Each structure stands twice: as structure tokens, then as C-alpha cells.
PDB file of N, CA and C in Angstrom:
ATOM      1  N   MET A   1     -43.332  -6.784  31.635  1.00  0.00           N
ATOM      2  CA  MET A   1     -44.459  -5.915  31.801  1.00  0.00           C
ATOM      3  C   MET A   1     -44.314  -4.713  30.881  1.00  0.00           C
ATOM      4  N   ALA A   2     -45.344  -4.412  30.149  1.00  0.00           N
ATOM      5  CA  ALA A   2     -45.375  -3.220  29.308  1.00  0.00           C
ATOM      6  C   ALA A   2     -46.711  -2.543  29.509  1.00  0.00           C
ATOM      7  N   ALA A   3     -46.671  -1.229  29.648  1.00  0.00           N
ATOM      8  CA  ALA A   3     -47.899  -0.463  29.834  1.00  0.00           C
ATOM      9  C   ALA A   3     -47.734   0.884  29.155  1.00  0.00           C
ATOM     10  N   GLN A   4     -48.852   1.507  28.873  1.00  0.00           N
ATOM     11  CA  GLN A   4     -48.825   2.844  28.291  1.00  0.00           C
ATOM     12  C   GLN A   4     -50.061   3.599  28.729  1.00  0.00           C
ATOM     13  N   GLY A   5     -49.999   4.927  28.654  1.00  0.00           N
ATOM     14  CA  GLY A   5     -51.144   5.730  29.046  1.00  0.00           C
ATOM     15  C   GLY A   5     -50.830   7.207  28.936  1.00  0.00           C
ATOM     16  N   THR A   6     -51.696   8.011  29.511  1.00  0.00           N
ATOM     17  CA  THR A   6     -51.491   9.456  29.535  1.00  0.00           C
ATOM     18  C   THR A   6     -51.659   9.959  30.957  1.00  0.00           C
ATOM     19  N   ALA A   7     -51.084  11.127  31.202  1.00  0.00           N
ATOM     20  CA  ALA A   7     -51.228  11.814  32.480  1.00  0.00           C
ATOM     21  C   ALA A   7     -51.334  13.301  32.169  1.00  0.00           C
ATOM     22  N   THR A   8     -51.688  14.077  33.153  1.00  0.00           N
ATOM     23  CA  THR A   8     -51.823  15.523  32.968  1.00  0.00           C
ATOM     24  C   THR A   8     -50.780  16.240  33.805  1.00  0.00           C
ATOM     25  N   LEU A   9     -49.912  16.977  33.136  1.00  0.00           N
ATOM     26  CA  LEU A   9     -48.943  17.835  33.821  1.00  0.00           C
ATOM     27  C   LEU A   9     -49.599  19.185  34.040  1.00  0.00           C
ATOM     28  N   ASP A  10     -49.548  19.695  35.251  1.00  0.00           N
ATOM     29  CA  ASP A  10     -50.172  20.975  35.578  1.00  0.00           C
ATOM     30  C   ASP A  10     -49.103  21.963  36.028  1.00  0.00           C
ATOM     31  N   PHE A  11     -48.905  23.000  35.218  1.00  0.00           N
ATOM     32  CA  PHE A  11     -47.945  24.047  35.552  1.00  0.00           C
ATOM     33  C   PHE A  11     -48.546  25.126  36.440  1.00  0.00           C
ATOM     34  N   GLY A  12     -49.852  25.064  36.679  1.00  0.00           N
ATOM     35  CA  GLY A  12     -50.518  26.040  37.532  1.00  0.00           C
ATOM     36  C   GLY A  12     -50.807  27.337  36.809  1.00  0.00           C
ATOM     37  N   ALA A  13     -51.270  28.333  37.577  1.00  0.00           N
ATOM     38  CA  ALA A  13     -51.663  29.622  37.005  1.00  0.00           C
ATOM     39  C   ALA A  13     -50.500  30.597  36.876  1.00  0.00           C
ATOM     40  N   THR A  14     -49.458  30.403  37.673  1.00  0.00           N
ATOM     41  CA  THR A  14     -48.277  31.266  37.613  1.00  0.00           C
ATOM     42  C   THR A  14     -47.261  30.637  36.675  1.00  0.00           C
ATOM     43  N   PRO A  15     -46.764  31.377  35.678  1.00  0.00           N
ATOM     44  CA  PRO A  15     -45.802  30.794  34.740  1.00  0.00           C
ATOM     45  C   PRO A  15     -44.635  30.106  35.455  1.00  0.00           C
ATOM     46  N   ALA A  16     -44.335  28.880  35.022  1.00  0.00           N
ATOM     47  CA  ALA A  16     -43.286  28.076  35.655  1.00  0.00           C
ATOM     48  C   ALA A  16     -42.464  27.363  34.592  1.00  0.00           C
ATOM     49  N   ASP A  17     -41.268  26.921  34.976  1.00  0.00           N
ATOM     50  CA  ASP A  17     -40.400  26.210  34.044  1.00  0.00           C
ATOM     51  C   ASP A  17     -40.244  24.734  34.390  1.00  0.00           C
ATOM     52  N   GLU A  18     -41.043  24.250  35.365  1.00  0.00           N
ATOM     53  CA  GLU A  18     -40.990  22.838  35.704  1.00  0.00           C
ATOM     54  C   GLU A  18     -42.317  22.377  36.303  1.00  0.00           C
ATOM     55  N   ALA A  19     -42.598  21.102  36.093  1.00  0.00           N
ATOM     56  CA  ALA A  19     -43.797  20.476  36.659  1.00  0.00           C
ATOM     57  C   ALA A  19     -43.550  18.979  36.757  1.00  0.00           C
ATOM     58  N   SER A  20     -44.337  18.319  37.582  1.00  0.00           N
ATOM     59  CA  SER A  20     -44.240  16.858  37.677  1.00  0.00           C
ATOM     60  C   SER A  20     -45.621  16.295  37.963  1.00  0.00           C
ATOM     61  N   VAL A  21     -45.769  15.000  37.672  1.00  0.00           N
ATOM     62  CA  VAL A  21     -47.020  14.307  37.933  1.00  0.00           C
ATOM     63  C   VAL A  21     -46.696  12.884  38.370  1.00  0.00           C
ATOM     64  N   LEU A  22     -47.442  12.386  39.340  1.00  0.00           N
ATOM     65  CA  LEU A  22     -47.304  11.014  39.796  1.00  0.00           C
ATOM     66  C   LEU A  22     -48.275  10.145  39.009  1.00  0.00           C
ATOM     67  N   VAL A  23     -47.751   9.101  38.374  1.00  0.00           N
ATOM     68  CA  VAL A  23     -48.574   8.132  37.653  1.00  0.00           C
ATOM     69  C   VAL A  23     -48.673   6.907  38.554  1.00  0.00           C
ATOM     70  N   SER A  24     -49.897   6.572  38.956  1.00  0.00           N
ATOM     71  CA  SER A  24     -50.085   5.444  39.866  1.00  0.00           C
ATOM     72  C   SER A  24     -51.023   4.419  39.245  1.00  0.00           C
ATOM     73  N   GLY A  25     -51.236   3.335  39.953  1.00  0.00           N
ATOM     74  CA  GLY A  25     -52.094   2.275  39.455  1.00  0.00           C
ATOM     75  C   GLY A  25     -51.384   1.315  38.518  1.00  0.00           C
ATOM     76  N   LEU A  26     -50.067   1.397  38.467  1.00  0.00           N
ATOM     77  CA  LEU A  26     -49.263   0.493  37.646  1.00  0.00           C
ATOM     78  C   LEU A  26     -48.965  -0.761  38.459  1.00  0.00           C
ATOM     79  N   SER A  27     -48.330  -1.727  37.832  1.00  0.00           N
ATOM     80  CA  SER A  27     -47.923  -2.909  38.592  1.00  0.00           C
ATOM     81  C   SER A  27     -46.639  -3.471  38.011  1.00  0.00           C
ATOM     82  N   GLY A  28     -45.815  -4.004  38.886  1.00  0.00           N
ATOM     83  CA  GLY A  28     -44.602  -4.676  38.456  1.00  0.00           C
ATOM     84  C   GLY A  28     -43.435  -3.788  38.071  1.00  0.00           C
ATOM     85  N   LEU A  29     -43.502  -2.491  38.354  1.00  0.00           N
ATOM     86  CA  LEU A  29     -42.358  -1.633  38.039  1.00  0.00           C
ATOM     87  C   LEU A  29     -41.172  -1.986  38.923  1.00  0.00           C
ATOM     88  N   THR A  30     -39.984  -1.843  38.371  1.00  0.00           N
ATOM     89  CA  THR A  30     -38.746  -1.970  39.135  1.00  0.00           C
ATOM     90  C   THR A  30     -37.857  -0.793  38.769  1.00  0.00           C
ATOM     91  N   VAL A  31     -36.779  -0.624  39.488  1.00  0.00           N
ATOM     92  CA  VAL A  31     -35.831   0.437  39.163  1.00  0.00           C
ATOM     93  C   VAL A  31     -35.313   0.261  37.741  1.00  0.00           C
ATOM     94  N   GLY A  32     -35.179  -0.976  37.283  1.00  0.00           N
ATOM     95  CA  GLY A  32     -34.655  -1.257  35.952  1.00  0.00           C
ATOM     96  C   GLY A  32     -35.674  -1.178  34.823  1.00  0.00           C
ATOM     97  N   THR A  33     -36.937  -0.942  35.141  1.00  0.00           N
ATOM     98  CA  THR A  33     -37.960  -0.830  34.098  1.00  0.00           C
ATOM     99  C   THR A  33     -37.671   0.383  33.215  1.00  0.00           C
ATOM    100  N   HIS A  34     -37.824   0.198  31.915  1.00  0.00           N
ATOM    101  CA  HIS A  34     -37.689   1.317  30.978  1.00  0.00           C
ATOM    102  C   HIS A  34     -38.927   2.192  31.123  1.00  0.00           C
ATOM    103  N   LYS A  35     -38.735   3.478  31.417  1.00  0.00           N
ATOM    104  CA  LYS A  35     -39.830   4.416  31.622  1.00  0.00           C
ATOM    105  C   LYS A  35     -39.608   5.610  30.703  1.00  0.00           C
ATOM    106  N   GLU A  36     -40.619   5.969  29.922  1.00  0.00           N
ATOM    107  CA  GLU A  36     -40.472   7.043  28.948  1.00  0.00           C
ATOM    108  C   GLU A  36     -41.706   7.938  28.972  1.00  0.00           C
ATOM    109  N   ALA A  37     -41.504   9.242  28.769  1.00  0.00           N
ATOM    110  CA  ALA A  37     -42.605  10.205  28.676  1.00  0.00           C
ATOM    111  C   ALA A  37     -42.366  11.099  27.461  1.00  0.00           C
ATOM    112  N   PHE A  38     -43.460  11.473  26.800  1.00  0.00           N
ATOM    113  CA  PHE A  38     -43.351  12.312  25.607  1.00  0.00           C
ATOM    114  C   PHE A  38     -44.678  13.021  25.374  1.00  0.00           C
ATOM    115  N   VAL A  39     -44.655  14.020  24.488  1.00  0.00           N
ATOM    116  CA  VAL A  39     -45.842  14.796  24.147  1.00  0.00           C
ATOM    117  C   VAL A  39     -46.126  14.634  22.666  1.00  0.00           C
ATOM    118  N   GLN A  40     -47.391  14.535  22.340  1.00  0.00           N
ATOM    119  CA  GLN A  40     -47.804  14.502  20.945  1.00  0.00           C
ATOM    120  C   GLN A  40     -48.359  15.880  20.576  1.00  0.00           C
ATOM    121  N   GLY A  41     -47.981  16.367  19.414  1.00  0.00           N
ATOM    122  CA  GLY A  41     -48.346  17.715  18.996  1.00  0.00           C
ATOM    123  C   GLY A  41     -49.796  17.914  18.639  1.00  0.00           C
ATOM    124  N   ASP A  42     -50.605  16.856  18.645  1.00  0.00           N
ATOM    125  CA  ASP A  42     -52.020  17.028  18.322  1.00  0.00           C
ATOM    126  C   ASP A  42     -52.929  16.893  19.539  1.00  0.00           C
ATOM    127  N   ASP A  43     -52.351  16.826  20.734  1.00  0.00           N
ATOM    128  CA  ASP A  43     -53.155  16.786  21.954  1.00  0.00           C
ATOM    129  C   ASP A  43     -53.611  18.191  22.319  1.00  0.00           C
ATOM    130  N   SER A  44     -54.617  18.284  23.156  1.00  0.00           N
ATOM    131  CA  SER A  44     -55.050  19.582  23.675  1.00  0.00           C
ATOM    132  C   SER A  44     -55.735  19.376  25.016  1.00  0.00           C
ATOM    133  N   THR A  45     -55.769  20.430  25.805  1.00  0.00           N
ATOM    134  CA  THR A  45     -56.494  20.455  27.072  1.00  0.00           C
ATOM    135  C   THR A  45     -57.333  21.723  27.072  1.00  0.00           C
ATOM    136  N   GLY A  46     -58.094  21.935  28.125  1.00  0.00           N
ATOM    137  CA  GLY A  46     -58.896  23.146  28.214  1.00  0.00           C
ATOM    138  C   GLY A  46     -58.066  24.419  28.266  1.00  0.00           C
ATOM    139  N   SER A  47     -56.813  24.301  28.719  1.00  0.00           N
ATOM    140  CA  SER A  47     -55.975  25.493  28.840  1.00  0.00           C
ATOM    141  C   SER A  47     -54.874  25.597  27.783  1.00  0.00           C
ATOM    142  N   ASN A  48     -54.608  24.532  27.034  1.00  0.00           N
ATOM    143  CA  ASN A  48     -53.556  24.570  26.009  1.00  0.00           C
ATOM    144  C   ASN A  48     -53.981  23.761  24.790  1.00  0.00           C
ATOM    145  N   ASP A  49     -53.970  24.415  23.633  1.00  0.00           N
ATOM    146  CA  ASP A  49     -54.414  23.779  22.389  1.00  0.00           C
ATOM    147  C   ASP A  49     -53.292  22.957  21.750  1.00  0.00           C
ATOM    148  N   ALA A  50     -53.571  22.417  20.574  1.00  0.00           N
ATOM    149  CA  ALA A  50     -52.601  21.559  19.882  1.00  0.00           C
ATOM    150  C   ALA A  50     -51.316  22.320  19.541  1.00  0.00           C
ATOM    151  N   LEU A  51     -51.411  23.586  19.162  1.00  0.00           N
ATOM    152  CA  LEU A  51     -50.216  24.372  18.847  1.00  0.00           C
ATOM    153  C   LEU A  51     -49.334  24.532  20.087  1.00  0.00           C
ATOM    154  N   ALA A  52     -49.951  24.777  21.234  1.00  0.00           N
ATOM    155  CA  ALA A  52     -49.190  24.875  22.485  1.00  0.00           C
ATOM    156  C   ALA A  52     -48.532  23.540  22.825  1.00  0.00           C
ATOM    157  N   HIS A  53     -49.221  22.426  22.586  1.00  0.00           N
ATOM    158  CA  HIS A  53     -48.636  21.101  22.835  1.00  0.00           C
ATOM    159  C   HIS A  53     -47.458  20.839  21.899  1.00  0.00           C
ATOM    160  N   LYS A  54     -47.573  21.300  20.659  1.00  0.00           N
ATOM    161  CA  LYS A  54     -46.476  21.117  19.705  1.00  0.00           C
ATOM    162  C   LYS A  54     -45.230  21.866  20.179  1.00  0.00           C
ATOM    163  N   PHE A  55     -45.397  23.097  20.642  1.00  0.00           N
ATOM    164  CA  PHE A  55     -44.263  23.852  21.177  1.00  0.00           C
ATOM    165  C   PHE A  55     -43.749  23.209  22.466  1.00  0.00           C
ATOM    166  N   PHE A  56     -44.663  22.707  23.290  1.00  0.00           N
ATOM    167  CA  PHE A  56     -44.300  22.036  24.529  1.00  0.00           C
ATOM    168  C   PHE A  56     -43.428  20.810  24.253  1.00  0.00           C
ATOM    169  N   ALA A  57     -43.760  20.062  23.204  1.00  0.00           N
ATOM    170  CA  ALA A  57     -42.964  18.890  22.818  1.00  0.00           C
ATOM    171  C   ALA A  57     -41.547  19.294  22.444  1.00  0.00           C
ATOM    172  N   LEU A  58     -41.409  20.465  21.843  1.00  0.00           N
ATOM    173  CA  LEU A  58     -40.091  20.965  21.444  1.00  0.00           C
ATOM    174  C   LEU A  58     -39.302  21.502  22.635  1.00  0.00           C
ATOM    175  N   SER A  59     -39.977  22.176  23.543  1.00  0.00           N
ATOM    176  CA  SER A  59     -39.275  22.901  24.602  1.00  0.00           C
ATOM    177  C   SER A  59     -39.150  22.136  25.920  1.00  0.00           C
ATOM    178  N   GLY A  60     -39.845  21.010  26.058  1.00  0.00           N
ATOM    179  CA  GLY A  60     -39.800  20.273  27.311  1.00  0.00           C
ATOM    180  C   GLY A  60     -38.806  19.121  27.296  1.00  0.00           C
ATOM    181  N   ARG A  61     -38.135  18.930  28.403  1.00  0.00           N
ATOM    182  CA  ARG A  61     -37.285  17.751  28.613  1.00  0.00           C
ATOM    183  C   ARG A  61     -37.957  16.916  29.695  1.00  0.00           C
ATOM    184  N   PHE A  62     -38.156  15.653  29.374  1.00  0.00           N
ATOM    185  CA  PHE A  62     -38.914  14.777  30.252  1.00  0.00           C
ATOM    186  C   PHE A  62     -38.025  13.695  30.846  1.00  0.00           C
ATOM    187  N   SER A  63     -38.257  13.399  32.103  1.00  0.00           N
ATOM    188  CA  SER A  63     -37.576  12.283  32.750  1.00  0.00           C
ATOM    189  C   SER A  63     -38.571  11.575  33.657  1.00  0.00           C
ATOM    190  N   CYS A  64     -38.335  10.295  33.848  1.00  0.00           N
ATOM    191  CA  CYS A  64     -39.228   9.470  34.665  1.00  0.00           C
ATOM    192  C   CYS A  64     -38.436   8.867  35.813  1.00  0.00           C
ATOM    193  N   GLU A  65     -39.076   8.769  36.961  1.00  0.00           N
ATOM    194  CA  GLU A  65     -38.429   8.263  38.162  1.00  0.00           C
ATOM    195  C   GLU A  65     -39.261   7.155  38.790  1.00  0.00           C
ATOM    196  N   TYR A  66     -38.620   6.056  39.112  1.00  0.00           N
ATOM    197  CA  TYR A  66     -39.268   4.967  39.839  1.00  0.00           C
ATOM    198  C   TYR A  66     -39.651   5.466  41.227  1.00  0.00           C
ATOM    199  N   VAL A  67     -40.890   5.230  41.627  1.00  0.00           N
ATOM    200  CA  VAL A  67     -41.351   5.571  42.972  1.00  0.00           C
ATOM    201  C   VAL A  67     -41.649   4.291  43.750  1.00  0.00           C
ATOM    202  N   SER A  68     -42.385   3.374  43.123  1.00  0.00           N
ATOM    203  CA  SER A  68     -42.713   2.094  43.752  1.00  0.00           C
ATOM    204  C   SER A  68     -43.106   1.116  42.651  1.00  0.00           C
ATOM    205  N   ALA A  69     -43.415  -0.108  43.032  1.00  0.00           N
ATOM    206  CA  ALA A  69     -43.831  -1.111  42.044  1.00  0.00           C
ATOM    207  C   ALA A  69     -45.121  -0.704  41.345  1.00  0.00           C
ATOM    208  N   ALA A  70     -45.847   0.256  41.922  1.00  0.00           N
ATOM    209  CA  ALA A  70     -47.131   0.668  41.363  1.00  0.00           C
ATOM    210  C   ALA A  70     -47.157   2.109  40.863  1.00  0.00           C
ATOM    211  N   SER A  71     -46.033   2.832  40.938  1.00  0.00           N
ATOM    212  CA  SER A  71     -46.071   4.231  40.515  1.00  0.00           C
ATOM    213  C   SER A  71     -44.704   4.747  40.060  1.00  0.00           C
ATOM    214  N   MET A  72     -44.769   5.782  39.217  1.00  0.00           N
ATOM    215  CA  MET A  72     -43.577   6.497  38.765  1.00  0.00           C
ATOM    216  C   MET A  72     -43.931   7.970  38.698  1.00  0.00           C
ATOM    217  N   ARG A  73     -42.918   8.817  38.733  1.00  0.00           N
ATOM    218  CA  ARG A  73     -43.122  10.255  38.622  1.00  0.00           C
ATOM    219  C   ARG A  73     -42.521  10.724  37.301  1.00  0.00           C
ATOM    220  N   ILE A  74     -43.275  11.565  36.595  1.00  0.00           N
ATOM    221  CA  ILE A  74     -42.801  12.175  35.354  1.00  0.00           C
ATOM    222  C   ILE A  74     -42.458  13.631  35.655  1.00  0.00           C
ATOM    223  N   TYR A  75     -41.252  14.035  35.297  1.00  0.00           N
ATOM    224  CA  TYR A  75     -40.799  15.407  35.459  1.00  0.00           C
ATOM    225  C   TYR A  75     -40.684  16.073  34.095  1.00  0.00           C
ATOM    226  N   CYS A  76     -40.999  17.344  34.040  1.00  0.00           N
ATOM    227  CA  CYS A  76     -40.764  18.131  32.838  1.00  0.00           C
ATOM    228  C   CYS A  76     -40.021  19.391  33.229  1.00  0.00           C
ATOM    229  N   ASP A  77     -38.898  19.642  32.576  1.00  0.00           N
ATOM    230  CA  ASP A  77     -38.145  20.878  32.722  1.00  0.00           C
ATOM    231  C   ASP A  77     -38.148  21.569  31.368  1.00  0.00           C
ATOM    232  N   LEU A  78     -38.600  22.818  31.337  1.00  0.00           N
ATOM    233  CA  LEU A  78     -38.630  23.566  30.080  1.00  0.00           C
ATOM    234  C   LEU A  78     -37.269  24.184  29.815  1.00  0.00           C
ATOM    235  N   VAL A  79     -36.794  24.058  28.598  1.00  0.00           N
ATOM    236  CA  VAL A  79     -35.518  24.659  28.218  1.00  0.00           C
ATOM    237  C   VAL A  79     -35.721  25.992  27.498  1.00  0.00           C
ATOM    238  N   MET A  80     -36.972  26.276  27.113  1.00  0.00           N
ATOM    239  CA  MET A  80     -37.326  27.554  26.492  1.00  0.00           C
ATOM    240  C   MET A  80     -38.650  28.019  27.075  1.00  0.00           C
ATOM    241  N   GLY A  81     -38.691  29.210  27.579  1.00  0.00           N
ATOM    242  CA  GLY A  81     -39.938  29.808  28.006  1.00  0.00           C
ATOM    243  C   GLY A  81     -40.517  29.226  29.280  1.00  0.00           C
ATOM    244  N   LEU A  82     -41.726  29.692  29.578  1.00  0.00           N
ATOM    245  CA  LEU A  82     -42.467  29.265  30.753  1.00  0.00           C
ATOM    246  C   LEU A  82     -43.832  28.756  30.301  1.00  0.00           C
ATOM    247  N   ALA A  83     -44.498  28.002  31.150  1.00  0.00           N
ATOM    248  CA  ALA A  83     -45.805  27.454  30.799  1.00  0.00           C
ATOM    249  C   ALA A  83     -46.792  27.683  31.933  1.00  0.00           C
ATOM    250  N   THR A  84     -48.068  27.703  31.580  1.00  0.00           N
ATOM    251  CA  THR A  84     -49.158  27.717  32.549  1.00  0.00           C
ATOM    252  C   THR A  84     -50.192  26.693  32.106  1.00  0.00           C
ATOM    253  N   GLY A  85     -51.035  26.299  33.018  1.00  0.00           N
ATOM    254  CA  GLY A  85     -52.116  25.389  32.672  1.00  0.00           C
ATOM    255  C   GLY A  85     -51.657  23.945  32.559  1.00  0.00           C
ATOM    256  N   THR A  86     -52.502  23.154  31.906  1.00  0.00           N
ATOM    257  CA  THR A  86     -52.270  21.714  31.834  1.00  0.00           C
ATOM    258  C   THR A  86     -51.879  21.263  30.437  1.00  0.00           C
ATOM    259  N   PHE A  87     -51.130  20.171  30.410  1.00  0.00           N
ATOM    260  CA  PHE A  87     -50.691  19.527  29.168  1.00  0.00           C
ATOM    261  C   PHE A  87     -50.844  18.026  29.317  1.00  0.00           C
ATOM    262  N   VAL A  88     -51.210  17.357  28.229  1.00  0.00           N
ATOM    263  CA  VAL A  88     -51.255  15.899  28.201  1.00  0.00           C
ATOM    264  C   VAL A  88     -49.836  15.386  27.968  1.00  0.00           C
ATOM    265  N   VAL A  89     -49.421  14.431  28.742  1.00  0.00           N
ATOM    266  CA  VAL A  89     -48.131  13.773  28.536  1.00  0.00           C
ATOM    267  C   VAL A  89     -48.410  12.270  28.398  1.00  0.00           C
ATOM    268  N   HIS A  90     -47.811  11.660  27.402  1.00  0.00           N
ATOM    269  CA  HIS A  90     -47.958  10.224  27.173  1.00  0.00           C
ATOM    270  C   HIS A  90     -46.783   9.510  27.849  1.00  0.00           C
ATOM    271  N   TRP A  91     -47.012   8.310  28.315  1.00  0.00           N
ATOM    272  CA  TRP A  91     -45.948   7.531  28.956  1.00  0.00           C
ATOM    273  C   TRP A  91     -46.029   6.079  28.514  1.00  0.00           C
ATOM    274  N   ALA A  92     -44.885   5.438  28.613  1.00  0.00           N
ATOM    275  CA  ALA A  92     -44.808   4.012  28.293  1.00  0.00           C
ATOM    276  C   ALA A  92     -43.755   3.374  29.196  1.00  0.00           C
ATOM    277  N   THR A  93     -43.981   2.114  29.544  1.00  0.00           N
ATOM    278  CA  THR A  93     -42.987   1.355  30.305  1.00  0.00           C
ATOM    279  C   THR A  93     -42.765   0.023  29.600  1.00  0.00           C
ATOM    280  N   ALA A  94     -41.598  -0.514  29.780  1.00  0.00           N
ATOM    281  CA  ALA A  94     -41.291  -1.820  29.196  1.00  0.00           C
ATOM    282  C   ALA A  94     -40.246  -2.516  30.052  1.00  0.00           C
TER     283      ALA A  94
END
């Protein structure tokens, strides 16, 4: 099984150094499934432009966690600075 897509990480209105999002609607995930999350520097949202996404890609560390056969959670921990608002995060499984 291989899948890919995007999700929205929301850091909220108060500056924070971590956020997570549940990605659901998947199928066939197992604990051993390869799960990856990353940011592309040309994405944008209503609260963060492409330049903010580019810095986010540099400053964020992403990890993915198996939740069920149909869902996984993506975590982001910032190693530099704080963030507010939303960011697009891309994910892939294999």
C-alpha cells in the first residue's frame, strides 16, 4: 500500500513550538508501514506564506505515529523559534 496527501498543521493563535494533526481515511496501515511527513517551501495558507513555509521546512522536525489501520498522527517539533497559524504538511506512506 502506498498513499500520499496533505494535511494542515495548526499551531493556533498563541505562539507554540509543537503541533500535531491526525490523518484519517487511510487504509491498510500497520506499525511497520513507512510513514513520512515533510514541508514544501512553495506552499502557503491564509496565515503563512511561502517564505514562512520555507523557514518552517528548515526549523521543523517531523515524526509520524501509527494510530490505526486507517489513521496516523503527524507531529512537528520546532527546533528554532515559535509558530502561529496553519501550515501545509505533505505525507507519504509505503
